[in-house]
Amino acid sequence: MWTAYLSLTRYDGLAPAEWIGPANFVKLLDDPALLTSVRNTLIWVIGTMMLPVGLGLLVAVL
């Protein structure tokens, strides 16, 4: 609950949290690093989950 509250504020850990509503999420959607991180996450999931399962199934079939 605390993290959800902080996601809707401007908070640096020292000063009191300032309520800004969903502005953090709007700013996130405008950030070009978001697409890069989503792409990297998908590559990681494919490499660490799908590739071993596929190779395991291939070995099982052979």
PDB file of N, CA and C in Angstrom:
ATOM      1  N   MET A   1       0.829  -1.184   0.000  1.00  0.00           N
ATOM      2  CA  MET A   1       0.000   0.000   0.000  1.00  0.00           C
ATOM      3  C   MET A   1       0.884   1.263   0.000  1.00  0.00           C
ATOM      4  N   TRP A   2       1.987   1.209   0.740  1.00  0.00           N
ATOM      5  CA  TRP A   2       2.885   2.359   0.804  1.00  0.00           C
ATOM      6  C   TRP A   2       3.490   2.640  -0.570  1.00  0.00           C
ATOM      7  N   THR A   3       3.890   1.605  -1.264  1.00  0.00           N
ATOM      8  CA  THR A   3       4.479   1.779  -2.589  1.00  0.00           C
ATOM      9  C   THR A   3       3.459   2.341  -3.569  1.00  0.00           C
ATOM     10  N   ALA A   4       2.224   1.865  -3.490  1.00  0.00           N
ATOM     11  CA  ALA A   4       1.178   2.387  -4.365  1.00  0.00           C
ATOM     12  C   ALA A   4       0.939   3.870  -4.080  1.00  0.00           C
ATOM     13  N   TYR A   5       0.939   4.245  -2.808  1.00  0.00           N
ATOM     14  CA  TYR A   5       0.785   5.657  -2.451  1.00  0.00           C
ATOM     15  C   TYR A   5       1.956   6.483  -2.982  1.00  0.00           C
ATOM     16  N   LEU A   6       3.177   5.989  -2.775  1.00  0.00           N
ATOM     17  CA  LEU A   6       4.351   6.741  -3.221  1.00  0.00           C
ATOM     18  C   LEU A   6       4.403   6.878  -4.737  1.00  0.00           C
ATOM     19  N   SER A   7       3.834   5.926  -5.464  1.00  0.00           N
ATOM     20  CA  SER A   7       3.849   6.029  -6.926  1.00  0.00           C
ATOM     21  C   SER A   7       3.004   7.198  -7.423  1.00  0.00           C
ATOM     22  N   LEU A   8       2.148   7.718  -6.570  1.00  0.00           N
ATOM     23  CA  LEU A   8       1.295   8.845  -6.937  1.00  0.00           C
ATOM     24  C   LEU A   8       1.774  10.164  -6.319  1.00  0.00           C
ATOM     25  N   THR A   9       3.021  10.169  -5.833  1.00  0.00           N
ATOM     26  CA  THR A   9       3.575  11.368  -5.212  1.00  0.00           C
ATOM     27  C   THR A   9       4.941  11.697  -5.802  1.00  0.00           C
ATOM     28  N   ARG A  10       5.424  12.896  -5.483  1.00  0.00           N
ATOM     29  CA  ARG A  10       6.808  13.271  -5.758  1.00  0.00           C
ATOM     30  C   ARG A  10       7.516  13.165  -4.418  1.00  0.00           C
ATOM     31  N   TYR A  11       8.428  12.190  -4.305  1.00  0.00           N
ATOM     32  CA  TYR A  11       9.050  11.887  -3.017  1.00  0.00           C
ATOM     33  C   TYR A  11      10.511  11.554  -3.238  1.00  0.00           C
ATOM     34  N   ASP A  12      11.405  12.251  -2.500  1.00  0.00           N
ATOM     35  CA  ASP A  12      12.837  11.995  -2.641  1.00  0.00           C
ATOM     36  C   ASP A  12      13.421  11.243  -1.450  1.00  0.00           C
ATOM     37  N   GLY A  13      12.596  10.862  -0.511  1.00  0.00           N
ATOM     38  CA  GLY A  13      13.069  10.120   0.642  1.00  0.00           C
ATOM     39  C   GLY A  13      13.439  11.000   1.815  1.00  0.00           C
ATOM     40  N   LEU A  14      13.538  12.298   1.606  1.00  0.00           N
ATOM     41  CA  LEU A  14      13.911  13.225   2.670  1.00  0.00           C
ATOM     42  C   LEU A  14      12.767  14.172   3.021  1.00  0.00           C
ATOM     43  N   ALA A  15      12.256  14.853   2.017  1.00  0.00           N
ATOM     44  CA  ALA A  15      11.166  15.804   2.228  1.00  0.00           C
ATOM     45  C   ALA A  15       9.830  15.054   2.256  1.00  0.00           C
ATOM     46  N   PRO A  16       8.797  15.666   2.794  1.00  0.00           N
ATOM     47  CA  PRO A  16       7.478  15.015   2.765  1.00  0.00           C
ATOM     48  C   PRO A  16       7.014  14.760   1.330  1.00  0.00           C
ATOM     49  N   ALA A  17       6.255  13.700   1.155  1.00  0.00           N
ATOM     50  CA  ALA A  17       5.744  13.349  -0.176  1.00  0.00           C
ATOM     51  C   ALA A  17       4.741  14.404  -0.631  1.00  0.00           C
ATOM     52  N   GLU A  18       4.834  14.788  -1.907  1.00  0.00           N
ATOM     53  CA  GLU A  18       3.925  15.773  -2.505  1.00  0.00           C
ATOM     54  C   GLU A  18       3.015  15.056  -3.492  1.00  0.00           C
ATOM     55  N   TRP A  19       1.712  15.124  -3.288  1.00  0.00           N
ATOM     56  CA  TRP A  19       0.737  14.436  -4.137  1.00  0.00           C
ATOM     57  C   TRP A  19       0.752  15.032  -5.539  1.00  0.00           C
ATOM     58  N   ILE A  20       0.972  14.201  -6.561  1.00  0.00           N
ATOM     59  CA  ILE A  20       0.912  14.667  -7.953  1.00  0.00           C
ATOM     60  C   ILE A  20      -0.006  13.794  -8.799  1.00  0.00           C
ATOM     61  N   GLY A  21      -0.642  12.805  -8.183  1.00  0.00           N
ATOM     62  CA  GLY A  21      -1.587  11.958  -8.902  1.00  0.00           C
ATOM     63  C   GLY A  21      -0.887  11.067  -9.915  1.00  0.00           C
ATOM     64  N   PRO A  22      -1.527  10.796 -11.034  1.00  0.00           N
ATOM     65  CA  PRO A  22      -0.955   9.868 -12.030  1.00  0.00           C
ATOM     66  C   PRO A  22       0.123  10.486 -12.924  1.00  0.00           C
ATOM     67  N   ALA A  23       0.634  11.651 -12.581  1.00  0.00           N
ATOM     68  CA  ALA A  23       1.641  12.313 -13.427  1.00  0.00           C
ATOM     69  C   ALA A  23       2.890  11.455 -13.613  1.00  0.00           C
ATOM     70  N   ASN A  24       3.262  10.671 -12.600  1.00  0.00           N
ATOM     71  CA  ASN A  24       4.425   9.792 -12.737  1.00  0.00           C
ATOM     72  C   ASN A  24       4.212   8.759 -13.842  1.00  0.00           C
ATOM     73  N   PHE A  25       2.986   8.244 -13.955  1.00  0.00           N
ATOM     74  CA  PHE A  25       2.707   7.229 -14.966  1.00  0.00           C
ATOM     75  C   PHE A  25       2.647   7.842 -16.360  1.00  0.00           C
ATOM     76  N   VAL A  26       2.131   9.057 -16.466  1.00  0.00           N
ATOM     77  CA  VAL A  26       2.127   9.767 -17.750  1.00  0.00           C
ATOM     78  C   VAL A  26       3.567  10.016 -18.184  1.00  0.00           C
ATOM     79  N   LYS A  27       4.404  10.438 -17.248  1.00  0.00           N
ATOM     80  CA  LYS A  27       5.817  10.672 -17.555  1.00  0.00           C
ATOM     81  C   LYS A  27       6.499   9.368 -17.980  1.00  0.00           C
ATOM     82  N   LEU A  28       6.138   8.265 -17.334  1.00  0.00           N
ATOM     83  CA  LEU A  28       6.706   6.963 -17.689  1.00  0.00           C
ATOM     84  C   LEU A  28       6.367   6.581 -19.129  1.00  0.00           C
ATOM     85  N   LEU A  29       5.129   6.800 -19.531  1.00  0.00           N
ATOM     86  CA  LEU A  29       4.715   6.440 -20.889  1.00  0.00           C
ATOM     87  C   LEU A  29       5.406   7.287 -21.945  1.00  0.00           C
ATOM     88  N   ASP A  30       5.853   8.493 -21.590  1.00  0.00           N
ATOM     89  CA  ASP A  30       6.567   9.359 -22.532  1.00  0.00           C
ATOM     90  C   ASP A  30       8.061   9.072 -22.574  1.00  0.00           C
ATOM     91  N   ASP A  31       8.553   8.218 -21.704  1.00  0.00           N
ATOM     92  CA  ASP A  31       9.987   7.948 -21.608  1.00  0.00           C
ATOM     93  C   ASP A  31      10.403   6.908 -22.653  1.00  0.00           C
ATOM     94  N   PRO A  32      11.358   7.230 -23.532  1.00  0.00           N
ATOM     95  CA  PRO A  32      11.787   6.261 -24.547  1.00  0.00           C
ATOM     96  C   PRO A  32      12.486   5.038 -23.945  1.00  0.00           C
ATOM     97  N   ALA A  33      12.981   5.143 -22.736  1.00  0.00           N
ATOM     98  CA  ALA A  33      13.630   3.995 -22.095  1.00  0.00           C
ATOM     99  C   ALA A  33      12.625   2.902 -21.760  1.00  0.00           C
ATOM    100  N   LEU A  34      11.342   3.234 -21.680  1.00  0.00           N
ATOM    101  CA  LEU A  34      10.317   2.227 -21.386  1.00  0.00           C
ATOM    102  C   LEU A  34      10.275   1.162 -22.478  1.00  0.00           C
ATOM    103  N   LEU A  35      10.267   1.575 -23.730  1.00  0.00           N
ATOM    104  CA  LEU A  35      10.226   0.604 -24.834  1.00  0.00           C
ATOM    105  C   LEU A  35      11.480  -0.264 -24.851  1.00  0.00           C
ATOM    106  N   THR A  36      12.617   0.332 -24.545  1.00  0.00           N
ATOM    107  CA  THR A  36      13.865  -0.430 -24.487  1.00  0.00           C
ATOM    108  C   THR A  36      13.811  -1.470 -23.383  1.00  0.00           C
ATOM    109  N   SER A  37      13.302  -1.082 -22.225  1.00  0.00           N
ATOM    110  CA  SER A  37      13.246  -2.025 -21.112  1.00  0.00           C
ATOM    111  C   SER A  37      12.239  -3.139 -21.370  1.00  0.00           C
ATOM    112  N   VAL A  38      11.118  -2.830 -22.005  1.00  0.00           N
ATOM    113  CA  VAL A  38      10.138  -3.864 -22.346  1.00  0.00           C
ATOM    114  C   VAL A  38      10.738  -4.836 -23.364  1.00  0.00           C
ATOM    115  N   ARG A  39      11.431  -4.296 -24.356  1.00  0.00           N
ATOM    116  CA  ARG A  39      12.075  -5.156 -25.364  1.00  0.00           C
ATOM    117  C   ARG A  39      13.122  -6.058 -24.718  1.00  0.00           C
ATOM    118  N   ASN A  40      13.951  -5.489 -23.851  1.00  0.00           N
ATOM    119  CA  ASN A  40      14.973  -6.290 -23.178  1.00  0.00           C
ATOM    120  C   ASN A  40      14.359  -7.365 -22.285  1.00  0.00           C
ATOM    121  N   THR A  41      13.259  -7.039 -21.640  1.00  0.00           N
ATOM    122  CA  THR A  41      12.577  -8.027 -20.801  1.00  0.00           C
ATOM    123  C   THR A  41      12.039  -9.176 -21.633  1.00  0.00           C
ATOM    124  N   LEU A  42      11.454  -8.863 -22.778  1.00  0.00           N
ATOM    125  CA  LEU A  42      10.936  -9.919 -23.654  1.00  0.00           C
ATOM    126  C   LEU A  42      12.062 -10.807 -24.175  1.00  0.00           C
ATOM    127  N   ILE A  43      13.179 -10.205 -24.536  1.00  0.00           N
ATOM    128  CA  ILE A  43      14.324 -10.991 -24.992  1.00  0.00           C
ATOM    129  C   ILE A  43      14.818 -11.897 -23.869  1.00  0.00           C
ATOM    130  N   TRP A  44      14.880 -11.375 -22.655  1.00  0.00           N
ATOM    131  CA  TRP A  44      15.335 -12.171 -21.517  1.00  0.00           C
ATOM    132  C   TRP A  44      14.385 -13.336 -21.252  1.00  0.00           C
ATOM    133  N   VAL A  45      13.076 -13.088 -21.313  1.00  0.00           N
ATOM    134  CA  VAL A  45      12.088 -14.150 -21.078  1.00  0.00           C
ATOM    135  C   VAL A  45      12.226 -15.236 -22.136  1.00  0.00           C
ATOM    136  N   ILE A  46      12.369 -14.843 -23.380  1.00  0.00           N
ATOM    137  CA  ILE A  46      12.516 -15.835 -24.450  1.00  0.00           C
ATOM    138  C   ILE A  46      13.795 -16.632 -24.258  1.00  0.00           C
ATOM    139  N   GLY A  47      14.872 -15.941 -23.928  1.00  0.00           N
ATOM    140  CA  GLY A  47      16.154 -16.625 -23.777  1.00  0.00           C
ATOM    141  C   GLY A  47      16.234 -17.535 -22.569  1.00  0.00           C
ATOM    142  N   THR A  48      15.594 -17.151 -21.473  1.00  0.00           N
ATOM    143  CA  THR A  48      15.728 -17.942 -20.251  1.00  0.00           C
ATOM    144  C   THR A  48      14.575 -18.895 -20.009  1.00  0.00           C
ATOM    145  N   MET A  49      13.493 -18.735 -20.713  1.00  0.00           N
ATOM    146  CA  MET A  49      12.347 -19.618 -20.496  1.00  0.00           C
ATOM    147  C   MET A  49      12.030 -20.467 -21.731  1.00  0.00           C
ATOM    148  N   MET A  50      11.884 -19.825 -22.856  1.00  0.00           N
ATOM    149  CA  MET A  50      11.454 -20.532 -24.048  1.00  0.00           C
ATOM    150  C   MET A  50      12.580 -21.362 -24.666  1.00  0.00           C
ATOM    151  N   LEU A  51      13.767 -20.817 -24.707  1.00  0.00           N
ATOM    152  CA  LEU A  51      14.883 -21.529 -25.316  1.00  0.00           C
ATOM    153  C   LEU A  51      15.202 -22.837 -24.585  1.00  0.00           C
ATOM    154  N   PRO A  52      15.337 -22.848 -23.266  1.00  0.00           N
ATOM    155  CA  PRO A  52      15.605 -24.126 -22.583  1.00  0.00           C
ATOM    156  C   PRO A  52      14.465 -25.140 -22.731  1.00  0.00           C
ATOM    157  N   VAL A  53      13.231 -24.655 -22.688  1.00  0.00           N
ATOM    158  CA  VAL A  53      12.096 -25.571 -22.853  1.00  0.00           C
ATOM    159  C   VAL A  53      12.105 -26.154 -24.260  1.00  0.00           C
ATOM    160  N   GLY A  54      12.352 -25.320 -25.256  1.00  0.00           N
ATOM    161  CA  GLY A  54      12.406 -25.802 -26.638  1.00  0.00           C
ATOM    162  C   GLY A  54      13.524 -26.804 -26.846  1.00  0.00           C
ATOM    163  N   LEU A  55      14.689 -26.515 -26.288  1.00  0.00           N
ATOM    164  CA  LEU A  55      15.800 -27.462 -26.423  1.00  0.00           C
ATOM    165  C   LEU A  55      15.527 -28.761 -25.688  1.00  0.00           C
ATOM    166  N   GLY A  56      14.873 -28.663 -24.524  1.00  0.00           N
ATOM    167  CA  GLY A  56      14.509 -29.869 -23.790  1.00  0.00           C
ATOM    168  C   GLY A  56      13.527 -30.727 -24.556  1.00  0.00           C
ATOM    169  N   LEU A  57      12.562 -30.104 -25.190  1.00  0.00           N
ATOM    170  CA  LEU A  57      11.594 -30.857 -25.993  1.00  0.00           C
ATOM    171  C   LEU A  57      12.274 -31.472 -27.215  1.00  0.00           C
ATOM    172  N   LEU A  58      13.196 -30.741 -27.822  1.00  0.00           N
ATOM    173  CA  LEU A  58      13.935 -31.278 -28.966  1.00  0.00           C
ATOM    174  C   LEU A  58      14.747 -32.502 -28.567  1.00  0.00           C
ATOM    175  N   VAL A  59      15.431 -32.419 -27.436  1.00  0.00           N
ATOM    176  CA  VAL A  59      16.208 -33.559 -26.956  1.00  0.00           C
ATOM    177  C   VAL A  59      15.290 -34.733 -26.635  1.00  0.00           C
ATOM    178  N   ALA A  60      14.135 -34.462 -26.065  1.00  0.00           N
ATOM    179  CA  ALA A  60      13.191 -35.534 -25.721  1.00  0.00           C
ATOM    180  C   ALA A  60      12.670 -36.217 -26.980  1.00  0.00           C
ATOM    181  N   VAL A  61      12.445 -35.458 -28.032  1.00  0.00           N
ATOM    182  CA  VAL A  61      11.943 -36.041 -29.281  1.00  0.00           C
ATOM    183  C   VAL A  61      13.026 -36.871 -29.953  1.00  0.00           C
ATOM    184  N   LEU A  62      14.253 -36.404 -29.888  1.00  0.00           N
ATOM    185  CA  LEU A  62      15.356 -37.133 -30.523  1.00  0.00           C
ATOM    186  C   LEU A  62      15.622 -38.397 -29.738  1.00  0.00           C
TER     187      LEU A  62
END
